[in-house]
N, C-alpha and C. Protein backbone atom coordinates (compact mmCIF):
# COMPACT_ATOMS: atom_id res chain seq x y z
N MET A 1 18.30 -9.84 5.66
CA MET A 1 18.25 -8.21 4.83
C MET A 1 17.53 -8.71 3.64
N ALA A 2 16.09 -8.55 3.80
CA ALA A 2 15.19 -8.96 2.75
C ALA A 2 14.78 -7.74 1.76
N GLU A 3 14.69 -6.43 2.30
CA GLU A 3 14.28 -5.37 1.85
C GLU A 3 15.27 -4.16 2.30
N PRO A 4 15.16 -3.03 1.32
CA PRO A 4 16.03 -2.03 1.52
C PRO A 4 15.25 -1.47 2.92
N GLY A 5 16.07 -0.79 3.91
CA GLY A 5 15.65 -0.15 5.22
C GLY A 5 15.96 -1.44 6.10
N ASP A 6 15.82 -2.76 6.02
CA ASP A 6 15.64 -3.54 6.97
C ASP A 6 17.06 -3.68 7.91
N LYS A 7 16.98 -3.38 9.23
CA LYS A 7 18.02 -2.95 9.89
C LYS A 7 18.50 -4.34 10.84
N GLN A 8 17.86 -5.64 10.19
CA GLN A 8 18.43 -6.65 11.05
C GLN A 8 19.37 -7.51 10.36
N ALA A 9 20.17 -7.94 11.12
CA ALA A 9 21.32 -8.78 10.55
C ALA A 9 20.60 -10.21 11.14
N GLU A 10 21.43 -11.31 10.62
CA GLU A 10 21.08 -12.77 10.82
C GLU A 10 21.26 -12.80 12.27
N ALA A 11 20.54 -13.33 13.12
CA ALA A 11 20.86 -13.52 14.71
C ALA A 11 21.73 -14.31 14.76
N ALA A 12 22.66 -14.03 15.92
CA ALA A 12 23.85 -15.09 16.24
C ALA A 12 23.19 -16.51 16.78
N ALA A 13 24.16 -17.57 16.53
CA ALA A 13 23.84 -18.77 16.70
C ALA A 13 23.58 -18.80 18.37
N ALA A 14 22.81 -19.93 18.66
CA ALA A 14 22.64 -20.49 20.08
C ALA A 14 23.99 -20.34 20.77
N SER A 15 24.85 -20.69 20.22
CA SER A 15 26.25 -21.02 20.92
C SER A 15 26.98 -19.62 21.05
N GLY A 16 26.45 -18.34 20.53
CA GLY A 16 27.13 -17.23 20.34
C GLY A 16 27.35 -16.34 21.54
N PRO A 17 27.08 -15.10 21.57
CA PRO A 17 27.18 -14.40 22.51
C PRO A 17 26.54 -14.44 23.79
N ASP A 18 27.05 -14.43 25.06
CA ASP A 18 26.39 -14.83 26.18
C ASP A 18 25.07 -14.32 26.18
N ALA A 19 23.94 -15.08 26.66
CA ALA A 19 22.50 -14.81 26.62
C ALA A 19 22.26 -13.75 27.74
N ALA A 20 23.33 -13.70 28.64
CA ALA A 20 22.97 -12.51 29.67
C ALA A 20 23.28 -11.08 29.06
N LEU A 21 23.68 -11.04 27.92
CA LEU A 21 24.03 -9.74 27.38
C LEU A 21 22.96 -8.89 26.79
N PRO A 22 22.80 -7.76 26.92
CA PRO A 22 21.48 -7.08 26.10
C PRO A 22 21.30 -7.39 24.69
N ALA A 23 20.54 -7.70 23.73
CA ALA A 23 20.26 -8.06 22.56
C ALA A 23 19.53 -6.81 21.88
N ASP A 24 20.01 -6.72 20.39
CA ASP A 24 19.27 -5.82 19.71
C ASP A 24 18.39 -6.48 18.69
N PHE A 25 17.27 -6.03 18.13
CA PHE A 25 16.50 -6.78 17.11
C PHE A 25 16.38 -7.99 17.28
N ALA A 26 16.32 -8.97 16.50
CA ALA A 26 16.02 -10.34 16.59
C ALA A 26 17.37 -11.21 17.20
N GLY A 27 17.32 -10.92 18.52
CA GLY A 27 18.42 -11.60 19.02
C GLY A 27 19.79 -11.27 18.75
N LYS A 28 20.10 -10.54 18.00
CA LYS A 28 21.32 -10.12 17.44
C LYS A 28 22.12 -9.32 18.48
N VAL A 29 23.41 -9.49 19.10
CA VAL A 29 24.09 -8.81 20.01
C VAL A 29 25.05 -7.68 19.33
N SER A 30 24.75 -6.27 19.33
CA SER A 30 25.68 -5.60 19.01
C SER A 30 27.09 -5.31 20.06
N TYR A 31 28.28 -5.59 19.07
CA TYR A 31 29.30 -5.43 19.76
C TYR A 31 29.73 -4.54 20.66
N SER A 32 29.18 -3.15 20.51
CA SER A 32 29.32 -2.33 21.65
C SER A 32 28.80 -2.52 22.95
N LYS A 33 27.75 -3.39 22.87
CA LYS A 33 26.97 -3.65 24.08
C LYS A 33 27.63 -4.88 25.01
N ILE A 34 28.50 -5.58 24.14
CA ILE A 34 29.08 -6.73 24.55
C ILE A 34 30.16 -6.04 25.49
N LYS A 35 31.10 -5.02 24.60
CA LYS A 35 32.20 -4.32 25.29
C LYS A 35 31.92 -3.63 26.61
N ASP A 36 30.76 -2.76 26.77
CA ASP A 36 30.19 -2.29 27.83
C ASP A 36 29.98 -3.19 29.03
N GLU A 37 29.52 -4.34 28.75
CA GLU A 37 28.97 -5.28 29.74
C GLU A 37 30.47 -5.87 30.20
N ARG A 38 31.30 -6.04 29.47
CA ARG A 38 32.46 -6.73 30.01
C ARG A 38 33.27 -5.88 30.89
N ARG A 39 32.96 -4.40 30.20
CA ARG A 39 34.18 -3.55 31.00
C ARG A 39 33.43 -3.33 32.49
N ARG A 40 32.31 -3.36 32.46
CA ARG A 40 31.33 -3.15 33.78
C ARG A 40 31.77 -4.33 34.68
N ARG A 41 32.11 -5.56 34.26
CA ARG A 41 32.33 -6.56 35.36
C ARG A 41 33.81 -6.41 35.60
N ARG A 42 34.91 -5.70 35.11
CA ARG A 42 36.07 -5.75 35.33
C ARG A 42 36.37 -4.82 36.57
N GLN A 43 37.55 -4.85 37.20
CA GLN A 43 38.13 -4.09 38.22
C GLN A 43 38.63 -2.64 37.49
N HIS A 44 39.55 -3.15 36.44
CA HIS A 44 40.03 -1.79 35.73
C HIS A 44 39.39 -2.26 34.12
N PRO A 45 38.59 -1.46 33.69
CA PRO A 45 38.05 -1.59 32.49
C PRO A 45 38.74 -1.71 31.29
N ASP A 46 39.83 -1.16 31.10
CA ASP A 46 40.76 -0.85 30.15
C ASP A 46 41.44 -2.32 30.00
N VAL A 47 41.63 -3.24 30.54
CA VAL A 47 42.11 -4.40 30.51
C VAL A 47 41.43 -5.57 29.99
N THR A 48 41.85 -6.36 29.15
CA THR A 48 41.11 -7.49 28.76
C THR A 48 40.49 -8.50 29.66
N ALA A 49 41.33 -8.83 30.34
CA ALA A 49 41.07 -10.03 31.37
C ALA A 49 40.51 -11.16 31.03
N ASN A 50 41.03 -11.79 29.85
CA ASN A 50 40.37 -13.16 29.48
C ASN A 50 40.43 -14.25 30.83
N SER A 51 39.24 -14.44 31.10
CA SER A 51 39.42 -15.27 32.13
C SER A 51 39.34 -16.96 31.94
N PRO A 52 39.28 -17.93 32.55
CA PRO A 52 39.18 -19.29 32.41
C PRO A 52 37.93 -19.60 31.77
N GLU A 53 36.81 -18.59 32.24
CA GLU A 53 35.23 -19.15 32.13
C GLU A 53 35.31 -18.62 30.48
N ASP A 54 35.86 -17.47 29.92
CA ASP A 54 35.85 -17.11 28.70
C ASP A 54 36.76 -18.25 27.65
N ARG A 55 37.65 -18.76 28.10
CA ARG A 55 38.45 -19.75 27.56
C ARG A 55 37.54 -21.12 27.05
N ILE A 56 37.05 -21.39 28.22
CA ILE A 56 36.01 -22.49 28.07
C ILE A 56 35.04 -22.40 27.05
N LYS A 57 34.26 -21.06 27.08
CA LYS A 57 33.08 -20.75 26.37
C LYS A 57 34.04 -20.78 24.73
N ALA A 58 34.83 -20.01 24.60
CA ALA A 58 35.58 -20.16 23.50
C ALA A 58 35.61 -21.48 22.81
N LEU A 59 36.12 -22.22 23.71
CA LEU A 59 36.76 -23.73 23.04
C LEU A 59 35.34 -24.47 22.50
N SER A 60 34.43 -23.95 23.39
CA SER A 60 32.91 -24.72 23.04
C SER A 60 32.77 -24.29 21.60
N ARG A 61 32.78 -23.13 21.48
CA ARG A 61 32.16 -22.33 20.26
C ARG A 61 33.15 -23.01 19.13
N LEU A 62 34.26 -22.91 19.35
CA LEU A 62 35.13 -23.65 18.23
C LEU A 62 34.52 -25.10 17.76
N ALA A 63 34.48 -25.92 18.88
CA ALA A 63 34.10 -27.10 18.74
C ALA A 63 32.63 -27.09 18.00
N GLU A 64 31.86 -26.30 18.36
CA GLU A 64 30.40 -26.51 17.65
C GLU A 64 30.87 -25.97 16.10
N LEU A 65 31.63 -25.08 15.76
CA LEU A 65 32.19 -24.97 14.27
C LEU A 65 32.99 -25.95 13.60
N GLY A 66 33.18 -26.91 14.29
CA GLY A 66 33.75 -28.18 13.68
C GLY A 66 35.32 -28.41 13.97
N TYR A 67 35.86 -27.62 14.59
CA TYR A 67 37.43 -27.58 15.14
C TYR A 67 37.45 -28.95 16.10
N LYS A 68 38.68 -29.63 15.89
CA LYS A 68 39.06 -30.62 16.83
C LYS A 68 39.57 -30.17 18.04
N PRO A 69 39.55 -30.63 19.24
CA PRO A 69 40.01 -30.14 20.42
C PRO A 69 41.43 -29.47 20.27
N TRP A 70 42.32 -30.57 19.69
CA TRP A 70 43.59 -29.94 19.47
C TRP A 70 43.76 -28.51 18.75
N GLU A 71 43.01 -28.51 17.73
CA GLU A 71 42.90 -27.29 16.82
C GLU A 71 42.21 -26.03 17.55
N ALA A 72 41.27 -26.44 18.26
CA ALA A 72 40.69 -25.37 19.19
C ALA A 72 41.71 -24.64 20.19
N GLU A 73 42.38 -25.65 20.87
CA GLU A 73 43.33 -25.09 21.80
C GLU A 73 44.43 -24.53 21.07
N GLU A 74 44.82 -24.65 19.94
CA GLU A 74 46.02 -24.05 19.12
C GLU A 74 45.21 -22.65 19.07
N LEU A 75 44.45 -22.48 18.50
CA LEU A 75 43.64 -21.15 17.94
C LEU A 75 43.58 -20.33 19.16
N ARG A 76 43.18 -20.77 20.18
CA ARG A 76 42.78 -20.04 21.63
C ARG A 76 44.03 -19.72 22.17
N THR A 77 45.11 -20.59 22.04
CA THR A 77 46.33 -20.02 22.57
C THR A 77 47.11 -19.34 21.91
N LEU A 78 46.96 -18.98 20.56
CA LEU A 78 47.43 -17.91 19.89
C LEU A 78 46.79 -16.63 20.13
N TRP A 79 45.13 -16.77 20.22
CA TRP A 79 44.53 -15.57 20.75
C TRP A 79 44.96 -14.98 22.05
N ASP A 80 45.01 -16.01 23.20
CA ASP A 80 45.31 -15.77 24.43
C ASP A 80 46.66 -14.86 24.66
N GLY A 81 47.63 -15.47 23.80
CA GLY A 81 49.43 -15.00 23.72
C GLY A 81 49.07 -13.61 23.35
N GLU A 82 48.17 -13.19 22.35
CA GLU A 82 48.01 -11.54 21.62
C GLU A 82 47.50 -10.79 22.79
N MET A 83 46.39 -11.25 23.53
CA MET A 83 45.84 -10.61 24.43
C MET A 83 46.49 -10.37 25.71
N ASP A 84 47.31 -11.44 26.01
CA ASP A 84 48.14 -11.31 27.34
C ASP A 84 49.18 -10.02 26.89
N VAL A 85 49.88 -10.16 25.82
CA VAL A 85 50.72 -9.07 25.52
C VAL A 85 50.10 -7.63 25.67
N MET A 86 48.70 -7.57 25.20
CA MET A 86 48.33 -6.11 24.97
C MET A 86 47.85 -5.89 26.56
N ASP A 87 47.16 -7.00 27.34
CA ASP A 87 47.19 -6.58 28.81
C ASP A 87 48.28 -6.35 29.70
N ARG A 88 49.18 -6.80 29.43
CA ARG A 88 50.42 -6.36 30.26
C ARG A 88 51.05 -4.81 29.90
N GLU A 89 50.76 -4.57 28.72
CA GLU A 89 51.32 -3.40 28.11
C GLU A 89 50.13 -2.37 28.71
N LEU A 90 48.95 -2.44 28.59
CA LEU A 90 48.00 -1.93 29.42
C LEU A 90 47.85 -1.69 30.80
N GLU A 91 48.29 -2.60 31.46
CA GLU A 91 48.60 -2.63 33.23
C GLU A 91 49.67 -1.88 33.16
N ARG A 92 50.81 -1.92 32.46
CA ARG A 92 52.10 -1.04 32.69
C ARG A 92 51.91 0.19 32.79
N LEU A 93 51.02 0.70 31.78
CA LEU A 93 50.53 2.36 31.40
C LEU A 93 49.62 2.71 32.54
N ARG A 94 48.79 1.89 32.85
CA ARG A 94 48.07 2.24 33.97
C ARG A 94 48.63 2.46 35.34
N MET A 95 49.53 1.52 35.36
CA MET A 95 50.51 1.80 36.71
C MET A 95 51.17 3.09 37.00
N LEU A 96 51.96 3.46 35.66
CA LEU A 96 52.76 4.61 35.47
C LEU A 96 51.69 6.04 35.45
N ASP A 97 50.52 5.78 35.40
CA ASP A 97 49.53 6.76 35.18
C ASP A 97 48.26 6.56 35.54
N PRO A 98 47.69 6.43 37.07
CA PRO A 98 46.58 5.55 37.28
C PRO A 98 45.33 6.31 36.70
N GLY A 99 45.55 7.50 36.64
CA GLY A 99 44.39 8.59 36.22
C GLY A 99 44.31 8.89 34.63
N ARG A 100 45.28 8.15 34.11
CA ARG A 100 45.23 8.45 32.50
C ARG A 100 44.06 7.43 32.00
N SER A 101 43.24 8.01 30.73
CA SER A 101 42.42 7.23 30.05
C SER A 101 43.46 6.58 29.07
N LEU A 102 43.32 5.13 29.12
CA LEU A 102 43.62 4.35 28.17
C LEU A 102 43.25 3.94 26.99
N SER A 103 42.06 4.59 26.59
CA SER A 103 41.13 4.04 25.47
C SER A 103 41.89 4.13 24.05
N MET A 104 42.74 5.19 23.89
CA MET A 104 43.51 5.22 22.81
C MET A 104 44.54 4.24 22.62
N ASP A 105 45.51 4.18 23.96
CA ASP A 105 46.33 3.22 23.84
C ASP A 105 45.47 1.73 23.55
N ARG A 106 44.56 1.35 24.06
CA ARG A 106 43.84 0.00 23.89
C ARG A 106 43.62 -0.01 22.36
N ARG A 107 43.15 0.94 21.84
CA ARG A 107 42.73 1.02 20.27
C ARG A 107 43.97 0.64 19.57
N LEU A 108 45.24 1.04 19.79
CA LEU A 108 46.13 0.99 19.11
C LEU A 108 46.69 -0.37 19.30
N LEU A 109 46.80 -1.05 20.63
CA LEU A 109 47.20 -1.99 20.91
C LEU A 109 46.29 -3.68 20.30
N GLU A 110 45.28 -3.02 20.40
CA GLU A 110 44.12 -3.95 19.61
C GLU A 110 44.58 -4.09 18.21
N ARG A 111 44.70 -2.89 17.54
CA ARG A 111 45.10 -3.12 16.18
C ARG A 111 46.35 -3.87 15.90
N ALA A 112 47.41 -3.64 16.86
CA ALA A 112 48.74 -4.51 16.69
C ALA A 112 48.25 -6.04 16.79
N ALA A 113 47.56 -6.39 17.87
CA ALA A 113 47.20 -7.78 18.28
C ALA A 113 46.40 -8.39 17.05
N TYR A 114 45.57 -7.48 16.51
CA TYR A 114 44.65 -8.39 15.44
C TYR A 114 45.30 -8.53 14.16
N THR A 115 46.03 -7.30 14.05
CA THR A 115 47.01 -7.78 12.52
C THR A 115 48.06 -8.87 12.78
N ASN A 116 48.41 -9.14 13.98
CA ASN A 116 49.49 -10.19 14.09
C ASN A 116 48.43 -11.47 13.89
N LEU A 117 47.38 -11.58 14.39
CA LEU A 117 46.71 -12.97 14.44
C LEU A 117 46.12 -13.10 12.92
N ARG A 118 45.75 -11.76 12.34
CA ARG A 118 45.21 -12.03 10.80
C ARG A 118 46.30 -12.28 9.91
N GLU A 119 47.56 -11.82 10.24
CA GLU A 119 48.69 -12.21 9.14
C GLU A 119 49.04 -13.81 9.44
N GLY A 120 48.90 -14.15 10.79
CA GLY A 120 49.43 -15.57 11.21
C GLY A 120 48.27 -16.74 10.77
N LEU A 121 47.05 -16.41 10.53
CA LEU A 121 46.09 -17.43 10.31
C LEU A 121 45.53 -17.03 8.93
N ASP A 122 44.77 -18.03 8.52
CA ASP A 122 43.90 -17.86 7.42
C ASP A 122 42.77 -17.47 7.80
N ALA A 123 41.91 -17.01 6.73
CA ALA A 123 40.66 -16.05 7.07
C ALA A 123 39.76 -16.80 7.63
N SER A 124 39.36 -17.97 7.32
CA SER A 124 38.50 -18.60 8.02
C SER A 124 38.82 -19.23 9.62
N ASP A 125 40.16 -19.24 9.58
CA ASP A 125 40.51 -19.46 11.03
C ASP A 125 40.30 -18.28 11.98
N TYR A 126 40.96 -17.30 11.47
CA TYR A 126 40.66 -15.92 11.81
C TYR A 126 39.10 -15.46 12.35
N VAL A 127 38.36 -15.72 11.35
CA VAL A 127 36.81 -15.42 11.74
C VAL A 127 36.43 -16.29 12.82
N ALA A 128 36.77 -17.51 12.89
CA ALA A 128 36.44 -18.46 13.88
C ALA A 128 36.54 -18.13 15.38
N VAL A 129 37.91 -17.73 15.30
CA VAL A 129 38.78 -17.32 16.67
C VAL A 129 38.05 -16.06 17.15
N ARG A 130 37.73 -15.09 16.27
CA ARG A 130 37.03 -13.80 16.64
C ARG A 130 35.65 -14.20 17.10
N TYR A 131 35.01 -14.74 16.55
CA TYR A 131 33.58 -15.42 16.86
C TYR A 131 33.83 -16.00 18.49
N SER A 132 34.65 -16.92 18.33
CA SER A 132 34.62 -17.74 19.56
C SER A 132 34.92 -16.69 20.77
N ALA A 133 35.69 -15.49 20.37
CA ALA A 133 35.87 -14.73 21.67
C ALA A 133 34.95 -13.40 21.78
N GLU A 134 33.83 -13.65 20.66
CA GLU A 134 32.73 -12.74 21.07
C GLU A 134 33.34 -11.16 20.33
N LYS A 135 34.19 -11.41 19.48
CA LYS A 135 34.61 -10.07 18.57
C LYS A 135 33.78 -9.97 17.23
N THR A 136 33.79 -8.93 17.13
CA THR A 136 33.05 -8.66 15.40
C THR A 136 33.60 -9.52 14.65
N THR A 137 32.91 -9.97 13.49
CA THR A 137 33.50 -10.66 12.45
C THR A 137 33.07 -10.35 10.99
N ARG A 138 32.31 -9.06 11.14
CA ARG A 138 31.90 -8.50 9.84
C ARG A 138 31.31 -7.02 10.21
N ILE A 139 31.34 -6.19 9.30
CA ILE A 139 30.86 -4.75 9.32
C ILE A 139 29.45 -4.73 8.46
N GLU A 140 28.41 -3.99 9.14
CA GLU A 140 27.08 -3.89 8.20
C GLU A 140 26.99 -2.20 8.06
N VAL A 141 26.65 -1.80 7.11
CA VAL A 141 25.77 -0.55 7.18
C VAL A 141 24.55 -0.68 8.01
N TYR A 142 24.49 0.40 8.84
CA TYR A 142 23.37 0.42 9.79
C TYR A 142 22.15 1.34 9.11
N ARG A 143 22.32 2.54 8.48
CA ARG A 143 21.50 3.22 7.82
C ARG A 143 22.13 3.97 7.00
N VAL A 144 21.31 4.36 5.76
CA VAL A 144 21.84 5.39 4.81
C VAL A 144 20.87 6.55 4.77
N THR A 145 21.51 7.86 5.04
CA THR A 145 20.65 9.04 4.98
C THR A 145 20.47 9.40 3.51
N SER A 146 19.26 9.92 3.49
CA SER A 146 18.58 10.73 2.05
C SER A 146 19.72 11.65 1.76
N GLY A 147 19.71 11.78 0.34
CA GLY A 147 20.23 12.51 -0.31
C GLY A 147 21.99 12.66 -0.22
N THR A 148 22.39 11.40 0.40
CA THR A 148 23.95 11.54 0.66
C THR A 148 24.53 10.68 -0.73
N LEU A 149 26.04 10.78 -0.89
CA LEU A 149 26.66 10.00 -1.86
C LEU A 149 26.26 8.37 -2.24
N GLU A 150 26.21 7.91 -0.83
CA GLU A 150 25.86 6.71 -0.28
C GLU A 150 24.71 5.94 -0.72
N GLU A 151 23.67 7.07 -0.80
CA GLU A 151 22.25 6.60 -1.25
C GLU A 151 22.42 6.70 -2.67
N GLU A 152 23.12 7.60 -3.17
CA GLU A 152 22.92 7.67 -4.67
C GLU A 152 23.86 6.28 -5.41
N LEU A 153 24.89 5.83 -4.48
CA LEU A 153 25.69 4.82 -5.07
C LEU A 153 24.69 3.36 -4.95
N GLY A 154 23.58 3.70 -4.16
CA GLY A 154 22.70 2.32 -4.16
C GLY A 154 22.95 1.48 -2.86
N LEU A 155 23.68 2.16 -1.77
CA LEU A 155 23.94 1.20 -0.65
C LEU A 155 22.53 1.01 0.23
N TRP A 156 22.58 -0.12 0.68
CA TRP A 156 21.29 -0.36 1.67
C TRP A 156 21.78 -0.70 3.18
N PRO A 157 21.00 -0.42 4.09
CA PRO A 157 20.97 -0.80 5.36
C PRO A 157 21.39 -2.28 5.43
N GLY A 158 22.26 -2.83 5.93
CA GLY A 158 22.71 -4.30 5.65
C GLY A 158 23.61 -4.78 5.03
N ASP A 159 23.88 -3.74 4.08
CA ASP A 159 25.26 -4.22 3.23
C ASP A 159 26.35 -4.62 4.11
N GLN A 160 27.04 -5.62 3.83
CA GLN A 160 28.51 -5.83 4.44
C GLN A 160 29.35 -5.15 3.94
N LEU A 161 29.99 -4.81 4.63
CA LEU A 161 31.23 -4.04 3.92
C LEU A 161 32.30 -4.90 4.11
N ASP A 162 32.99 -5.51 3.11
CA ASP A 162 33.80 -6.84 3.07
C ASP A 162 35.10 -6.74 2.81
N SER A 163 35.37 -5.59 2.15
CA SER A 163 37.00 -5.47 1.83
C SER A 163 37.09 -3.97 1.40
N TYR A 164 38.67 -3.71 1.57
CA TYR A 164 39.29 -2.19 1.08
C TYR A 164 40.19 -2.56 0.27
N GLU A 165 40.09 -2.11 -1.11
CA GLU A 165 41.38 -2.48 -1.86
C GLU A 165 41.53 -3.60 -1.74
N GLY A 166 40.76 -4.81 -1.86
CA GLY A 166 41.14 -6.38 -1.80
C GLY A 166 41.42 -6.69 -0.46
N GLU A 167 41.63 -5.84 0.59
CA GLU A 167 41.88 -6.52 2.05
C GLU A 167 40.66 -6.85 3.12
N ARG A 168 40.42 -8.15 3.04
CA ARG A 168 38.92 -8.53 3.92
C ARG A 168 39.11 -7.70 5.03
N LEU A 169 37.86 -7.41 5.50
CA LEU A 169 37.47 -6.47 6.50
C LEU A 169 36.75 -7.23 7.60
N PHE A 170 37.04 -7.34 8.88
CA PHE A 170 36.47 -8.04 9.85
C PHE A 170 35.89 -7.05 11.20
N ASP A 171 36.66 -5.81 11.23
CA ASP A 171 36.21 -5.18 12.59
C ASP A 171 36.28 -3.76 12.13
N LEU A 172 35.55 -2.86 12.93
CA LEU A 172 35.77 -1.25 12.64
C LEU A 172 37.03 -0.67 12.74
N ASN A 173 37.82 -1.37 13.74
CA ASN A 173 39.24 -0.69 14.15
C ASN A 173 40.09 -1.05 12.82
N GLN A 174 40.25 -2.35 12.48
CA GLN A 174 40.92 -2.40 11.22
C GLN A 174 40.32 -1.52 10.01
N PHE A 175 39.21 -1.12 9.99
CA PHE A 175 38.71 -0.40 8.70
C PHE A 175 39.27 1.16 8.97
N ARG A 176 39.09 1.53 10.22
CA ARG A 176 39.32 2.96 10.43
C ARG A 176 41.13 2.92 10.35
N ALA A 177 41.84 2.15 10.60
CA ALA A 177 43.15 1.96 10.34
C ALA A 177 43.43 2.29 8.86
N LEU A 178 42.82 1.66 8.08
CA LEU A 178 43.04 1.76 6.60
C LEU A 178 42.67 3.36 6.20
N THR A 179 41.74 3.57 6.57
CA THR A 179 40.96 5.01 6.06
C THR A 179 41.99 5.96 6.57
N GLU A 180 42.43 5.84 7.90
CA GLU A 180 43.08 7.01 8.49
C GLU A 180 44.82 6.97 7.91
N ALA A 181 45.03 5.95 7.40
CA ALA A 181 46.41 5.74 6.62
C ALA A 181 46.09 6.25 5.26
N GLU A 182 45.31 6.43 4.72
CA GLU A 182 44.81 6.90 3.30
C GLU A 182 45.86 8.43 3.03
N ILE A 183 46.56 8.56 2.33
CA ILE A 183 47.23 9.76 2.30
C ILE A 183 46.62 10.85 1.56
N ASP A 184 45.93 10.34 0.46
CA ASP A 184 45.05 11.20 -0.30
C ASP A 184 43.66 10.94 -0.57
N PRO A 185 42.47 11.82 0.55
CA PRO A 185 41.42 11.71 0.61
C PRO A 185 40.50 11.83 -0.70
N ASP A 186 41.01 12.25 -1.72
CA ASP A 186 40.26 12.32 -2.82
C ASP A 186 40.70 11.15 -3.81
N ARG A 187 41.72 10.07 -3.49
CA ARG A 187 42.00 9.31 -4.23
C ARG A 187 40.71 8.04 -4.17
N PRO A 188 40.26 7.55 -5.61
CA PRO A 188 39.16 6.56 -5.62
C PRO A 188 39.67 5.35 -4.92
N VAL A 189 39.02 4.72 -3.79
CA VAL A 189 39.17 3.51 -3.16
C VAL A 189 38.43 2.44 -3.66
N VAL A 190 38.76 1.59 -3.71
CA VAL A 190 37.58 0.14 -4.12
C VAL A 190 37.37 -0.12 -2.77
N LEU A 191 36.09 -0.10 -2.61
CA LEU A 191 35.05 -1.13 -1.32
C LEU A 191 34.42 -2.22 -1.93
N GLY A 192 34.69 -3.12 -1.16
CA GLY A 192 33.73 -4.38 -1.75
C GLY A 192 32.62 -4.58 -0.61
N PHE A 193 31.54 -4.88 -1.22
CA PHE A 193 30.46 -4.94 -0.33
C PHE A 193 29.67 -6.43 -0.66
N LEU A 194 28.83 -6.72 0.28
CA LEU A 194 28.20 -8.04 0.43
C LEU A 194 26.66 -7.94 0.22
N ARG A 195 25.81 -8.58 -0.28
CA ARG A 195 24.33 -8.42 -0.33
C ARG A 195 23.90 -9.60 -0.66
N ASN A 196 23.07 -10.18 0.21
CA ASN A 196 22.24 -11.77 -0.12
C ASN A 196 23.34 -12.32 -0.79
N GLY A 197 24.74 -12.56 -0.41
CA GLY A 197 25.57 -13.51 -1.07
C GLY A 197 26.13 -13.00 -2.19
N SER A 198 25.75 -12.06 -2.65
CA SER A 198 26.39 -11.28 -3.93
C SER A 198 27.45 -10.09 -3.67
N GLU A 199 28.54 -10.23 -4.42
CA GLU A 199 29.53 -9.21 -4.19
C GLU A 199 29.41 -7.97 -4.93
N PHE A 200 29.66 -6.90 -4.83
CA PHE A 200 29.52 -5.76 -5.55
C PHE A 200 30.73 -4.80 -5.07
N PHE A 201 31.21 -3.86 -5.96
CA PHE A 201 32.40 -3.00 -5.72
C PHE A 201 32.02 -1.53 -5.80
N LEU A 202 32.32 -0.51 -5.35
CA LEU A 202 32.17 0.85 -5.11
C LEU A 202 33.32 1.52 -5.02
N GLU A 203 33.76 2.52 -6.00
CA GLU A 203 34.84 3.64 -5.73
C GLU A 203 34.29 4.79 -4.86
N ILE A 204 34.95 4.90 -3.72
CA ILE A 204 34.51 6.06 -2.95
C ILE A 204 35.96 6.75 -2.66
N PRO A 205 35.83 8.02 -2.50
CA PRO A 205 37.14 9.14 -2.38
C PRO A 205 37.74 8.72 -0.97
N GLY A 206 38.67 8.23 -0.87
CA GLY A 206 39.40 7.94 0.35
C GLY A 206 39.21 6.59 0.95
N GLY A 207 38.08 6.05 0.66
CA GLY A 207 37.42 4.98 1.04
C GLY A 207 36.62 5.03 2.30
N ASN A 208 36.41 6.57 2.76
CA ASN A 208 35.48 6.91 3.50
C ASN A 208 33.95 6.78 3.45
N VAL A 209 33.43 5.86 4.03
CA VAL A 209 31.95 5.73 3.88
C VAL A 209 31.31 6.65 4.84
N GLN A 210 30.61 7.34 4.48
CA GLN A 210 30.30 8.22 5.37
C GLN A 210 28.53 8.00 5.81
N VAL A 211 28.62 6.64 6.44
CA VAL A 211 27.36 6.21 6.86
C VAL A 211 27.65 5.54 8.08
N PRO A 212 26.65 5.52 8.97
CA PRO A 212 26.73 4.55 10.31
C PRO A 212 27.44 3.19 10.18
N LEU A 213 28.34 2.56 10.77
CA LEU A 213 28.72 1.10 10.41
C LEU A 213 28.44 0.50 11.85
N LEU A 214 28.15 -1.09 11.61
CA LEU A 214 28.05 -1.51 13.16
C LEU A 214 28.74 -2.81 12.84
N GLY A 215 29.58 -2.96 14.18
CA GLY A 215 30.29 -4.27 13.90
C GLY A 215 29.43 -5.09 14.53
N VAL A 216 29.39 -6.52 13.62
CA VAL A 216 28.65 -7.51 14.13
C VAL A 216 29.07 -8.99 14.54
N VAL A 217 28.74 -9.39 15.63
CA VAL A 217 29.29 -10.87 16.04
C VAL A 217 28.39 -11.88 15.60
N ALA A 218 28.92 -12.63 14.58
CA ALA A 218 28.05 -13.64 13.69
C ALA A 218 29.04 -14.83 13.47
N PRO A 219 28.34 -16.02 13.38
CA PRO A 219 29.24 -17.27 12.98
C PRO A 219 29.53 -17.20 11.65
N PRO A 220 30.75 -17.82 11.65
CA PRO A 220 31.29 -17.85 9.97
C PRO A 220 30.32 -18.64 9.25
């Protein structure tokens, strides 16, 4: 992000998302495309279905981040445990009503799984295990429309939305859960942003940033 209007985030590392997946910009893989490709490969698209191949890739990425084999195994085992709980519940719901859309159920179950992991790990380990599983590790402003409050506040495309009232943000699901839980939409909420390594804060009513946000899979 060198200039305002630049929509490119830093390219993922070579050991990052599967090279067979479609890429945006300079090799950056948007998380929405990762999800679409994974669901296309599954028999039941609402089930996470972590495969042995996924585990091997994840352990390799953790090793490249500097984790010892036993540390990588421990992190991935915690991740797999939460995903297995989610998958079993999604499968139970699917069997009860085969025609039912599970998108909302999946969203809520993901929130619970990620919350458990986030609360049980320190931030650096949580980012690492998310990256190893090809999940978003940060949120970026995709574009800012002319004449909006966000433009007046000085936000640029590529700015990283880093925190909500002091809570570190990693993915859009987490951010939406916080904004949806906000009782007073007019209460000033402090959002933290990062730009070129520098942090700045903005007060926005309800914390609801009216700009397109993009989940990015990037190494810690």
